[in-house]
Amino acid sequence: MDSVRALYGLIGFPLEHSFSKQYFNTLFQQDDLTDHAFELFALQTIDSVRALSRQYPALKGLAVTIPYKEAIMPFLDEITEPARTIGSVNCICINSSDRWIGYNTDLSGFLASIQPILKPHHESALILGTGGVSKTIQWAFRKLGISYETVSRDSGCSGAGLTYASLDVSHMQKSTVIVNATPLGTTPNVHEYPPIPYEALGPQHLLFDVVYNPQRTVFLQKGAAVGATVMNGYTMLIHQAAENWKIWNS
């Protein structure tokens, strides 16, 4: 990497499903940024993350994905709003003094994706998962005036509301927006899906999956099969990647 003047990357684990490296390196080629590069940093633990700056002196920015959107926060020198309030960081800018500054661009990406497909009857939502992505979506729904409940595997999870076992038809009928904010269904585990009562879904529902690889998860397939509106996380990803690039170049 001796010829690289500006290096960017993605931290998370695992990263086999990520499109970020292809996306940014294609962007660099299109803009003739021959001294820019983007790499994947699959970190099994977050503890040594700051060593990346020493290992790669050209490192200017990082995108953050599951499972580190919350765990990264203690390693940052500064956290901007709304990332601090939300409690989730998915973008880091690294300045010339090796000062790491955290941002949340998932919020704007999610809002830009879901707002065009919301209907007046989409007044209540279920958010599957309680991690960093879930926290961002909760914040988005508060901004949109949509009531919501979170769903997790067990009631002992931090931020848990409902459990999958407690979901019934009445919850599904009330909550016409359902967001999968978990990695369930991500390549290569394409046969996995959240255990919700799919038999209660109908055309009035909107299913949004933050997973984008594969393009249509089992979760979305089950919704589409009964006429629900479905969207994967690709549009959200494109929006937040564009925001990351603006921040890294500001």
C-alpha atoms as a PDB file:
ATOM      1  CA  MET A   1       0.000   0.000   0.000  1.00  0.00           C
ATOM      2  CA  ASP A   2       3.003   2.308  -0.383  1.00  0.00           C
ATOM      3  CA  SER A   3       1.307   4.176  -3.237  1.00  0.00           C
ATOM      4  CA  VAL A   4      -1.923   4.770  -1.288  1.00  0.00           C
ATOM      5  CA  ARG A   5      -2.263   8.305   0.048  1.00  0.00           C
ATOM      6  CA  ALA A   6      -5.799   7.913   1.436  1.00  0.00           C
ATOM      7  CA  LEU A   7      -7.062   4.604   2.815  1.00  0.00           C
ATOM      8  CA  TYR A   8     -10.611   3.901   3.967  1.00  0.00           C
ATOM      9  CA  GLY A   9     -12.153   0.718   5.258  1.00  0.00           C
ATOM     10  CA  LEU A  10     -14.966  -1.212   6.880  1.00  0.00           C
ATOM     11  CA  ILE A  11     -14.745  -2.832  10.307  1.00  0.00           C
ATOM     12  CA  GLY A  12     -17.058  -5.611  11.440  1.00  0.00           C
ATOM     13  CA  PHE A  13     -17.260  -9.378  11.608  1.00  0.00           C
ATOM     14  CA  PRO A  14     -17.869 -11.263   9.418  1.00  0.00           C
ATOM     15  CA  LEU A  15     -17.515  -9.203   6.230  1.00  0.00           C
ATOM     16  CA  GLU A  16     -17.892 -11.725   3.415  1.00  0.00           C
ATOM     17  CA  HIS A  17     -21.288 -10.244   2.497  1.00  0.00           C
ATOM     18  CA  SER A  18     -20.122  -6.626   2.237  1.00  0.00           C
ATOM     19  CA  PHE A  19     -20.322  -4.613  -0.965  1.00  0.00           C
ATOM     20  CA  SER A  20     -18.440  -1.610   0.435  1.00  0.00           C
ATOM     21  CA  LYS A  21     -15.003  -2.420  -0.981  1.00  0.00           C
ATOM     22  CA  GLN A  22     -16.337  -2.792  -4.514  1.00  0.00           C
ATOM     23  CA  TYR A  23     -18.522   0.312  -4.157  1.00  0.00           C
ATOM     24  CA  PHE A  24     -15.758   2.653  -2.992  1.00  0.00           C
ATOM     25  CA  ASN A  25     -12.983   1.292  -5.178  1.00  0.00           C
ATOM     26  CA  THR A  26     -15.277   1.704  -8.195  1.00  0.00           C
ATOM     27  CA  LEU A  27     -15.959   5.274  -7.038  1.00  0.00           C
ATOM     28  CA  PHE A  28     -12.232   5.931  -6.793  1.00  0.00           C
ATOM     29  CA  GLN A  29     -11.671   4.580 -10.305  1.00  0.00           C
ATOM     30  CA  GLN A  30     -14.476   6.698 -11.738  1.00  0.00           C
ATOM     31  CA  ASP A  31     -13.070   9.840 -10.107  1.00  0.00           C
ATOM     32  CA  ASP A  32      -9.490   8.943 -11.116  1.00  0.00           C
ATOM     33  CA  LEU A  33      -8.400   8.794  -7.474  1.00  0.00           C
ATOM     34  CA  THR A  34      -5.568   6.399  -8.152  1.00  0.00           C
ATOM     35  CA  ASP A  35      -3.965   6.972  -4.752  1.00  0.00           C
ATOM     36  CA  HIS A  36      -7.157   6.065  -2.822  1.00  0.00           C
ATOM     37  CA  ALA A  37      -8.128   2.583  -1.643  1.00  0.00           C
ATOM     38  CA  PHE A  38     -10.778   0.836   0.449  1.00  0.00           C
ATOM     39  CA  GLU A  39     -10.161  -2.347   2.452  1.00  0.00           C
ATOM     40  CA  LEU A  40     -12.154  -4.722   4.639  1.00  0.00           C
ATOM     41  CA  PHE A  41     -10.963  -5.158   8.227  1.00  0.00           C
ATOM     42  CA  ALA A  42     -12.660  -8.242   9.661  1.00  0.00           C
ATOM     43  CA  LEU A  43     -11.971  -7.850  13.382  1.00  0.00           C
ATOM     44  CA  GLN A  44     -12.864 -10.785  15.619  1.00  0.00           C
ATOM     45  CA  THR A  45     -12.698  -8.382  18.586  1.00  0.00           C
ATOM     46  CA  ILE A  46     -12.879  -4.601  18.742  1.00  0.00           C
ATOM     47  CA  ASP A  47     -10.151  -4.211  21.396  1.00  0.00           C
ATOM     48  CA  SER A  48      -7.268  -3.567  19.004  1.00  0.00           C
ATOM     49  CA  VAL A  49      -9.144  -1.310  16.596  1.00  0.00           C
ATOM     50  CA  ARG A  50      -6.988   1.774  17.244  1.00  0.00           C
ATOM     51  CA  ALA A  51      -3.916  -0.187  16.146  1.00  0.00           C
ATOM     52  CA  LEU A  52      -5.216   0.142  12.583  1.00  0.00           C
ATOM     53  CA  SER A  53      -3.908   3.724  12.488  1.00  0.00           C
ATOM     54  CA  ARG A  54      -0.407   2.549  13.357  1.00  0.00           C
ATOM     55  CA  GLN A  55      -0.547  -0.322  10.913  1.00  0.00           C
ATOM     56  CA  TYR A  56      -1.972   1.836   8.115  1.00  0.00           C
ATOM     57  CA  PRO A  57      -0.724   5.455   8.423  1.00  0.00           C
ATOM     58  CA  ALA A  58      -2.791   6.490   5.380  1.00  0.00           C
ATOM     59  CA  LEU A  59      -6.069   5.522   7.100  1.00  0.00           C
ATOM     60  CA  LYS A  60      -8.535   8.432   6.870  1.00  0.00           C
ATOM     61  CA  GLY A  61     -11.927   6.919   7.609  1.00  0.00           C
ATOM     62  CA  LEU A  62     -13.834   3.800   8.582  1.00  0.00           C
ATOM     63  CA  ALA A  63     -17.348   2.524   8.098  1.00  0.00           C
ATOM     64  CA  VAL A  64     -18.657   0.385  10.971  1.00  0.00           C
ATOM     65  CA  THR A  65     -21.010  -2.553  10.667  1.00  0.00           C
ATOM     66  CA  ILE A  66     -22.381  -5.369  12.844  1.00  0.00           C
ATOM     67  CA  PRO A  67     -21.478  -6.164  15.584  1.00  0.00           C
ATOM     68  CA  TYR A  68     -19.479  -3.006  16.459  1.00  0.00           C
ATOM     69  CA  LYS A  69     -21.815  -0.023  15.993  1.00  0.00           C
ATOM     70  CA  GLU A  70     -22.203   0.289  19.763  1.00  0.00           C
ATOM     71  CA  ALA A  71     -18.958  -1.356  20.892  1.00  0.00           C
ATOM     72  CA  ILE A  72     -16.819   1.133  18.924  1.00  0.00           C
ATOM     73  CA  MET A  73     -17.991   4.137  20.927  1.00  0.00           C
ATOM     74  CA  PRO A  74     -15.565   3.891  23.904  1.00  0.00           C
ATOM     75  CA  PHE A  75     -12.644   3.870  21.445  1.00  0.00           C
ATOM     76  CA  LEU A  76     -13.554   7.225  19.887  1.00  0.00           C
ATOM     77  CA  ASP A  77     -12.162  10.644  20.805  1.00  0.00           C
ATOM     78  CA  GLU A  78     -15.362  12.457  19.869  1.00  0.00           C
ATOM     79  CA  ILE A  79     -18.928  11.448  19.024  1.00  0.00           C
ATOM     80  CA  THR A  80     -21.157  13.830  17.124  1.00  0.00           C
ATOM     81  CA  GLU A  81     -24.906  14.237  17.306  1.00  0.00           C
ATOM     82  CA  PRO A  82     -27.117  12.383  16.634  1.00  0.00           C
ATOM     83  CA  ALA A  83     -24.747   9.436  17.076  1.00  0.00           C
ATOM     84  CA  ARG A  84     -24.228  10.165  20.777  1.00  0.00           C
ATOM     85  CA  THR A  85     -27.956  10.438  21.484  1.00  0.00           C
ATOM     86  CA  ILE A  86     -28.830   7.389  19.405  1.00  0.00           C
ATOM     87  CA  GLY A  87     -25.989   5.338  20.889  1.00  0.00           C
ATOM     88  CA  SER A  88     -24.754   3.974  17.571  1.00  0.00           C
ATOM     89  CA  VAL A  89     -21.846   4.890  15.274  1.00  0.00           C
ATOM     90  CA  ASN A  90     -21.414   3.641  11.710  1.00  0.00           C
ATOM     91  CA  CYS A  91     -18.905   6.177  10.348  1.00  0.00           C
ATOM     92  CA  ILE A  92     -15.524   7.304  11.699  1.00  0.00           C
ATOM     93  CA  CYS A  93     -13.416  10.174  10.400  1.00  0.00           C
ATOM     94  CA  ILE A  94      -9.714  10.022  11.313  1.00  0.00           C
ATOM     95  CA  ASN A  95      -7.907  13.351  11.162  1.00  0.00           C
ATOM     96  CA  SER A  96      -4.227  14.124  10.765  1.00  0.00           C
ATOM     97  CA  SER A  97      -3.727  14.027  14.560  1.00  0.00           C
ATOM     98  CA  ASP A  98      -5.143  10.486  14.709  1.00  0.00           C
ATOM     99  CA  ARG A  99      -8.273  11.818  16.364  1.00  0.00           C
ATOM    100  CA  TRP A 100     -11.202   9.435  15.743  1.00  0.00           C
ATOM    101  CA  ILE A 101     -14.599  11.131  15.386  1.00  0.00           C
ATOM    102  CA  GLY A 102     -17.801   9.072  15.254  1.00  0.00           C
ATOM    103  CA  TYR A 103     -20.927   9.813  13.209  1.00  0.00           C
ATOM    104  CA  ASN A 104     -24.249   8.130  12.517  1.00  0.00           C
ATOM    105  CA  THR A 105     -25.226   8.174   8.836  1.00  0.00           C
ATOM    106  CA  ASP A 106     -27.556   5.169   9.124  1.00  0.00           C
ATOM    107  CA  LEU A 107     -30.305   7.510  10.326  1.00  0.00           C
ATOM    108  CA  SER A 108     -30.391   9.649   7.192  1.00  0.00           C
ATOM    109  CA  GLY A 109     -29.983   6.544   5.042  1.00  0.00           C
ATOM    110  CA  PHE A 110     -32.947   4.788   6.641  1.00  0.00           C
ATOM    111  CA  LEU A 111     -35.161   7.873   6.497  1.00  0.00           C
ATOM    112  CA  ALA A 112     -34.349   8.489   2.828  1.00  0.00           C
ATOM    113  CA  SER A 113     -35.183   4.860   2.047  1.00  0.00           C
ATOM    114  CA  ILE A 114     -38.415   4.309   3.940  1.00  0.00           C
ATOM    115  CA  GLN A 115     -40.160   7.679   3.735  1.00  0.00           C
ATOM    116  CA  PRO A 116     -41.119   7.378   0.027  1.00  0.00           C
ATOM    117  CA  ILE A 117     -42.928   4.063   0.617  1.00  0.00           C
ATOM    118  CA  LEU A 118     -44.764   4.913   3.850  1.00  0.00           C
ATOM    119  CA  LYS A 119     -48.560   5.123   3.652  1.00  0.00           C
ATOM    120  CA  PRO A 120     -50.942   6.955   6.011  1.00  0.00           C
ATOM    121  CA  HIS A 121     -51.954   3.697   7.702  1.00  0.00           C
ATOM    122  CA  HIS A 122     -48.331   2.917   8.625  1.00  0.00           C
ATOM    123  CA  GLU A 123     -48.683   4.316  12.130  1.00  0.00           C
ATOM    124  CA  SER A 124     -47.149   1.570  14.252  1.00  0.00           C
ATOM    125  CA  ALA A 125     -44.064  -0.616  13.843  1.00  0.00           C
ATOM    126  CA  LEU A 126     -42.221  -3.639  15.143  1.00  0.00           C
ATOM    127  CA  ILE A 127     -38.422  -3.427  15.165  1.00  0.00           C
ATOM    128  CA  LEU A 128     -36.805  -6.856  15.229  1.00  0.00           C
ATOM    129  CA  GLY A 129     -33.554  -6.628  17.187  1.00  0.00           C
ATOM    130  CA  THR A 130     -32.175  -4.305  19.865  1.00  0.00           C
ATOM    131  CA  GLY A 131     -28.614  -3.547  18.682  1.00  0.00           C
ATOM    132  CA  GLY A 132     -27.084  -0.453  17.130  1.00  0.00           C
ATOM    133  CA  VAL A 133     -29.148  -0.590  13.938  1.00  0.00           C
ATOM    134  CA  SER A 134     -32.310  -0.998  15.996  1.00  0.00           C
ATOM    135  CA  LYS A 135     -31.438   2.078  18.052  1.00  0.00           C
ATOM    136  CA  THR A 136     -31.072   4.125  14.873  1.00  0.00           C
ATOM    137  CA  ILE A 137     -34.423   2.934  13.535  1.00  0.00           C
ATOM    138  CA  GLN A 138     -36.103   3.688  16.849  1.00  0.00           C
ATOM    139  CA  TRP A 139     -34.802   7.255  16.589  1.00  0.00           C
ATOM    140  CA  ALA A 140     -36.044   7.482  12.985  1.00  0.00           C
ATOM    141  CA  PHE A 141     -39.539   6.356  13.941  1.00  0.00           C
ATOM    142  CA  ARG A 142     -39.663   8.934  16.718  1.00  0.00           C
ATOM    143  CA  LYS A 143     -38.823  11.598  14.141  1.00  0.00           C
ATOM    144  CA  LEU A 144     -41.540  10.249  11.844  1.00  0.00           C
ATOM    145  CA  GLY A 145     -44.164  10.044  14.597  1.00  0.00           C
ATOM    146  CA  ILE A 146     -44.514   6.265  14.210  1.00  0.00           C
ATOM    147  CA  SER A 147     -45.042   4.310  17.434  1.00  0.00           C
ATOM    148  CA  TYR A 148     -42.996   1.138  17.786  1.00  0.00           C
ATOM    149  CA  GLU A 149     -42.096  -1.848  19.930  1.00  0.00           C
ATOM    150  CA  THR A 150     -38.816  -3.745  19.838  1.00  0.00           C
ATOM    151  CA  VAL A 151     -38.641  -7.527  19.594  1.00  0.00           C
ATOM    152  CA  SER A 152     -35.787  -9.769  20.756  1.00  0.00           C
ATOM    153  CA  ARG A 153     -35.085 -13.416  21.463  1.00  0.00           C
ATOM    154  CA  ASP A 154     -35.474 -13.030  25.217  1.00  0.00           C
ATOM    155  CA  SER A 155     -36.669 -10.408  27.641  1.00  0.00           C
ATOM    156  CA  GLY A 156     -33.216 -10.154  29.198  1.00  0.00           C
ATOM    157  CA  CYS A 157     -31.764  -8.372  26.133  1.00  0.00           C
ATOM    158  CA  SER A 158     -30.881  -4.722  26.647  1.00  0.00           C
ATOM    159  CA  GLY A 159     -33.678  -2.522  25.316  1.00  0.00           C
ATOM    160  CA  ALA A 160     -36.012  -5.483  24.871  1.00  0.00           C
ATOM    161  CA  GLY A 161     -39.747  -4.937  24.683  1.00  0.00           C
ATOM    162  CA  LEU A 162     -41.505  -7.963  23.242  1.00  0.00           C
ATOM    163  CA  THR A 163     -40.022 -11.385  22.623  1.00  0.00           C
ATOM    164  CA  TYR A 164     -40.593 -13.428  19.486  1.00  0.00           C
ATOM    165  CA  ALA A 165     -42.458 -15.976  21.609  1.00  0.00           C
ATOM    166  CA  SER A 166     -44.868 -13.302  22.833  1.00  0.00           C
ATOM    167  CA  LEU A 167     -45.781 -11.987  19.388  1.00  0.00           C
ATOM    168  CA  ASP A 168     -49.336 -12.799  18.381  1.00  0.00           C
ATOM    169  CA  VAL A 169     -51.810 -11.894  15.639  1.00  0.00           C
ATOM    170  CA  SER A 170     -52.947  -8.742  17.440  1.00  0.00           C
ATOM    171  CA  HIS A 171     -49.393  -7.360  17.472  1.00  0.00           C
ATOM    172  CA  MET A 172     -49.059  -8.067  13.760  1.00  0.00           C
ATOM    173  CA  GLN A 173     -52.394  -6.498  12.888  1.00  0.00           C
ATOM    174  CA  LYS A 174     -51.586  -3.352  14.863  1.00  0.00           C
ATOM    175  CA  SER A 175     -48.025  -2.978  13.616  1.00  0.00           C
ATOM    176  CA  THR A 176     -48.186  -2.576   9.847  1.00  0.00           C
ATOM    177  CA  VAL A 177     -44.470  -1.714   9.551  1.00  0.00           C
ATOM    178  CA  ILE A 178     -41.975  -4.446  10.433  1.00  0.00           C
ATOM    179  CA  VAL A 179     -38.226  -3.837  10.252  1.00  0.00           C
ATOM    180  CA  ASN A 180     -35.643  -6.588  10.491  1.00  0.00           C
ATOM    181  CA  ALA A 181     -32.722  -4.880  12.234  1.00  0.00           C
ATOM    182  CA  THR A 182     -30.848  -8.150  12.783  1.00  0.00           C
ATOM    183  CA  PRO A 183     -28.343  -9.966  10.522  1.00  0.00           C
ATOM    184  CA  LEU A 184     -30.706 -12.937  10.149  1.00  0.00           C
ATOM    185  CA  GLY A 185     -30.819 -14.048   6.517  1.00  0.00           C
ATOM    186  CA  THR A 186     -27.510 -12.478   5.495  1.00  0.00           C
ATOM    187  CA  THR A 187     -25.389 -14.423   3.012  1.00  0.00           C
ATOM    188  CA  PRO A 188     -24.275 -17.189   3.506  1.00  0.00           C
ATOM    189  CA  ASN A 189     -27.021 -17.946   6.064  1.00  0.00           C
ATOM    190  CA  VAL A 190     -29.782 -17.220   3.570  1.00  0.00           C
ATOM    191  CA  HIS A 191     -32.228 -19.737   5.040  1.00  0.00           C
ATOM    192  CA  GLU A 192     -32.461 -17.919   8.382  1.00  0.00           C
ATOM    193  CA  TYR A 193     -35.302 -15.514   9.152  1.00  0.00           C
ATOM    194  CA  PRO A 194     -36.897 -13.858  12.188  1.00  0.00           C
ATOM    195  CA  PRO A 195     -39.492 -16.123  13.869  1.00  0.00           C
ATOM    196  CA  ILE A 196     -42.577 -13.925  13.633  1.00  0.00           C
ATOM    197  CA  PRO A 197     -46.175 -15.050  12.858  1.00  0.00           C
ATOM    198  CA  TYR A 198     -46.008 -14.566   9.086  1.00  0.00           C
ATOM    199  CA  GLU A 199     -49.526 -15.954   8.674  1.00  0.00           C
ATOM    200  CA  ALA A 200     -50.820 -12.633  10.057  1.00  0.00           C
ATOM    201  CA  LEU A 201     -49.165 -10.555   7.305  1.00  0.00           C
ATOM    202  CA  GLY A 202     -51.187  -8.988   4.508  1.00  0.00           C
ATOM    203  CA  PRO A 203     -51.138  -6.312   1.793  1.00  0.00           C
ATOM    204  CA  GLN A 204     -51.390  -3.580   4.441  1.00  0.00           C
ATOM    205  CA  HIS A 205     -47.932  -4.394   5.773  1.00  0.00           C
ATOM    206  CA  LEU A 206     -44.563  -2.870   4.917  1.00  0.00           C
ATOM    207  CA  LEU A 207     -41.523  -5.071   5.549  1.00  0.00           C
ATOM    208  CA  PHE A 208     -38.082  -3.445   5.560  1.00  0.00           C
ATOM    209  CA  ASP A 209     -34.937  -5.552   5.911  1.00  0.00           C
ATOM    210  CA  VAL A 210     -31.599  -3.878   6.654  1.00  0.00           C
ATOM    211  CA  VAL A 211     -29.976  -6.933   5.041  1.00  0.00           C
ATOM    212  CA  TYR A 212     -29.129  -6.324   1.367  1.00  0.00           C
ATOM    213  CA  ASN A 213     -27.292  -9.530   0.463  1.00  0.00           C
ATOM    214  CA  PRO A 214     -29.229 -11.485  -0.732  1.00  0.00           C
ATOM    215  CA  GLN A 215     -31.472  -8.965  -2.435  1.00  0.00           C
ATOM    216  CA  ARG A 216     -34.606 -10.684  -1.131  1.00  0.00           C
ATOM    217  CA  THR A 217     -34.288 -12.531   2.180  1.00  0.00           C
ATOM    218  CA  VAL A 218     -36.760 -15.172   3.333  1.00  0.00           C
ATOM    219  CA  PHE A 219     -38.245 -12.468   5.581  1.00  0.00           C
ATOM    220  CA  LEU A 220     -39.020 -10.329   2.521  1.00  0.00           C
ATOM    221  CA  GLN A 221     -40.097 -13.317   0.421  1.00  0.00           C
ATOM    222  CA  LYS A 222     -42.720 -14.231   2.993  1.00  0.00           C
ATOM    223  CA  GLY A 223     -44.030 -10.669   2.990  1.00  0.00           C
ATOM    224  CA  ALA A 224     -44.087 -10.354  -0.801  1.00  0.00           C
ATOM    225  CA  ALA A 225     -45.976 -13.666  -1.058  1.00  0.00           C
ATOM    226  CA  VAL A 226     -49.018 -12.113   0.655  1.00  0.00           C
ATOM    227  CA  GLY A 227     -48.833  -8.756  -1.143  1.00  0.00           C
ATOM    228  CA  ALA A 228     -46.951  -6.734   1.451  1.00  0.00           C
ATOM    229  CA  THR A 229     -44.675  -3.881   0.355  1.00  0.00           C
ATOM    230  CA  VAL A 230     -41.049  -4.985   0.790  1.00  0.00           C
ATOM    231  CA  MET A 231     -37.678  -3.226   0.650  1.00  0.00           C
ATOM    232  CA  ASN A 232     -34.164  -4.417   1.404  1.00  0.00           C
ATOM    233  CA  GLY A 233     -31.289  -2.382   2.858  1.00  0.00           C
ATOM    234  CA  TYR A 234     -29.480  -1.596  -0.374  1.00  0.00           C
ATOM    235  CA  THR A 235     -30.927   1.906  -0.829  1.00  0.00           C
ATOM    236  CA  MET A 236     -30.185   2.687   2.806  1.00  0.00           C
ATOM    237  CA  LEU A 237     -26.617   1.496   2.297  1.00  0.00           C
ATOM    238  CA  ILE A 238     -26.095   3.658  -0.796  1.00  0.00           C
ATOM    239  CA  HIS A 239     -27.391   6.754   1.023  1.00  0.00           C
ATOM    240  CA  GLN A 240     -25.213   6.223   4.080  1.00  0.00           C
ATOM    241  CA  ALA A 241     -22.136   5.388   1.969  1.00  0.00           C
ATOM    242  CA  ALA A 242     -22.578   8.693   0.129  1.00  0.00           C
ATOM    243  CA  GLU A 243     -22.883  10.496   3.474  1.00  0.00           C
ATOM    244  CA  ASN A 244     -19.746   8.753   4.743  1.00  0.00           C
ATOM    245  CA  TRP A 245     -17.821   9.954   1.698  1.00  0.00           C
ATOM    246  CA  LYS A 246     -18.967  13.540   2.304  1.00  0.00           C
ATOM    247  CA  ILE A 247     -17.816  13.356   5.919  1.00  0.00           C
ATOM    248  CA  TRP A 248     -14.440  11.851   5.019  1.00  0.00           C
ATOM    249  CA  ASN A 249     -13.896  14.682   2.530  1.00  0.00           C
ATOM    250  CA  SER A 250     -15.215  17.550   4.646  1.00  0.00           C
END
